[in-house]
Amino acid sequence: MTTVVFVQPLLALIAGILILIAPKLLNYVIAAYLILFGLAGLFPHLFGA
């Protein structure tokens, strides 16, 4: 789970920069962010680990 904690701020920074450069990407960036971290949160629990 340490990897998720390290990657989350980095992806948030990249998402923020993309939104500043191209505001029309806002919906796609937020959707991708939520899907990625939803899967990252569920992944350890899917296999009973």
C-alpha atoms as a PDB file:
ATOM      1  CA  MET A   1       0.000   0.000   0.000  1.00  0.00           C
ATOM      2  CA  THR A   2       3.015   2.274   0.298  1.00  0.00           C
ATOM      3  CA  THR A   3       3.207   2.493  -3.491  1.00  0.00           C
ATOM      4  CA  VAL A   4      -0.323   3.895  -3.740  1.00  0.00           C
ATOM      5  CA  VAL A   5       0.492   6.563  -1.150  1.00  0.00           C
ATOM      6  CA  PHE A   6       3.565   7.593  -3.155  1.00  0.00           C
ATOM      7  CA  VAL A   7       1.860   7.577  -6.566  1.00  0.00           C
ATOM      8  CA  GLN A   8      -1.275   9.491  -5.551  1.00  0.00           C
ATOM      9  CA  PRO A   9       0.359  12.937  -5.080  1.00  0.00           C
ATOM     10  CA  LEU A  10       2.320  12.507  -8.304  1.00  0.00           C
ATOM     11  CA  LEU A  11      -0.805  11.707 -10.311  1.00  0.00           C
ATOM     12  CA  ALA A  12      -2.657  14.579  -8.663  1.00  0.00           C
ATOM     13  CA  LEU A  13       0.116  16.939  -9.754  1.00  0.00           C
ATOM     14  CA  ILE A  14       0.062  15.643 -13.323  1.00  0.00           C
ATOM     15  CA  ALA A  15      -3.743  15.876 -13.419  1.00  0.00           C
ATOM     16  CA  GLY A  16      -3.614  19.469 -12.161  1.00  0.00           C
ATOM     17  CA  ILE A  17      -1.109  20.463 -14.819  1.00  0.00           C
ATOM     18  CA  LEU A  18      -3.174  18.802 -17.562  1.00  0.00           C
ATOM     19  CA  ILE A  19      -6.292  20.626 -16.403  1.00  0.00           C
ATOM     20  CA  LEU A  20      -4.431  23.952 -16.441  1.00  0.00           C
ATOM     21  CA  ILE A  21      -3.138  23.319 -19.955  1.00  0.00           C
ATOM     22  CA  ALA A  22      -6.398  21.978 -21.411  1.00  0.00           C
ATOM     23  CA  PRO A  23      -9.485  22.683 -19.259  1.00  0.00           C
ATOM     24  CA  LYS A  24     -11.681  20.584 -21.566  1.00  0.00           C
ATOM     25  CA  LEU A  25      -9.844  17.501 -20.248  1.00  0.00           C
ATOM     26  CA  LEU A  26     -11.274  18.024 -16.769  1.00  0.00           C
ATOM     27  CA  ASN A  27     -13.964  15.329 -16.971  1.00  0.00           C
ATOM     28  CA  TYR A  28     -11.593  12.736 -18.417  1.00  0.00           C
ATOM     29  CA  VAL A  29      -8.814  13.467 -15.949  1.00  0.00           C
ATOM     30  CA  ILE A  30     -11.153  13.198 -12.950  1.00  0.00           C
ATOM     31  CA  ALA A  31     -12.751  10.010 -14.276  1.00  0.00           C
ATOM     32  CA  ALA A  32      -9.370   8.351 -14.868  1.00  0.00           C
ATOM     33  CA  TYR A  33      -8.140   9.449 -11.429  1.00  0.00           C
ATOM     34  CA  LEU A  34     -11.186   8.030  -9.660  1.00  0.00           C
ATOM     35  CA  ILE A  35     -11.077   4.758 -11.588  1.00  0.00           C
ATOM     36  CA  LEU A  36      -7.362   4.239 -10.956  1.00  0.00           C
ATOM     37  CA  PHE A  37      -7.576   4.830  -7.231  1.00  0.00           C
ATOM     38  CA  GLY A  38     -10.790   2.895  -6.911  1.00  0.00           C
ATOM     39  CA  LEU A  39      -9.081  -0.115  -8.460  1.00  0.00           C
ATOM     40  CA  ALA A  40      -5.947   0.439  -6.388  1.00  0.00           C
ATOM     41  CA  GLY A  41      -8.064   0.470  -3.238  1.00  0.00           C
ATOM     42  CA  LEU A  42      -9.999  -2.657  -4.189  1.00  0.00           C
ATOM     43  CA  PHE A  43      -7.123  -4.685  -5.656  1.00  0.00           C
ATOM     44  CA  PRO A  44      -5.676  -5.991  -2.345  1.00  0.00           C
ATOM     45  CA  HIS A  45      -9.132  -7.100  -1.223  1.00  0.00           C
ATOM     46  CA  LEU A  46     -10.090  -8.899  -4.438  1.00  0.00           C
ATOM     47  CA  PHE A  47      -7.779 -11.847  -3.807  1.00  0.00           C
ATOM     48  CA  GLY A  48      -8.159 -12.062  -0.039  1.00  0.00           C
ATOM     49  CA  ALA A  49      -4.725 -10.627   0.715  1.00  0.00           C
END
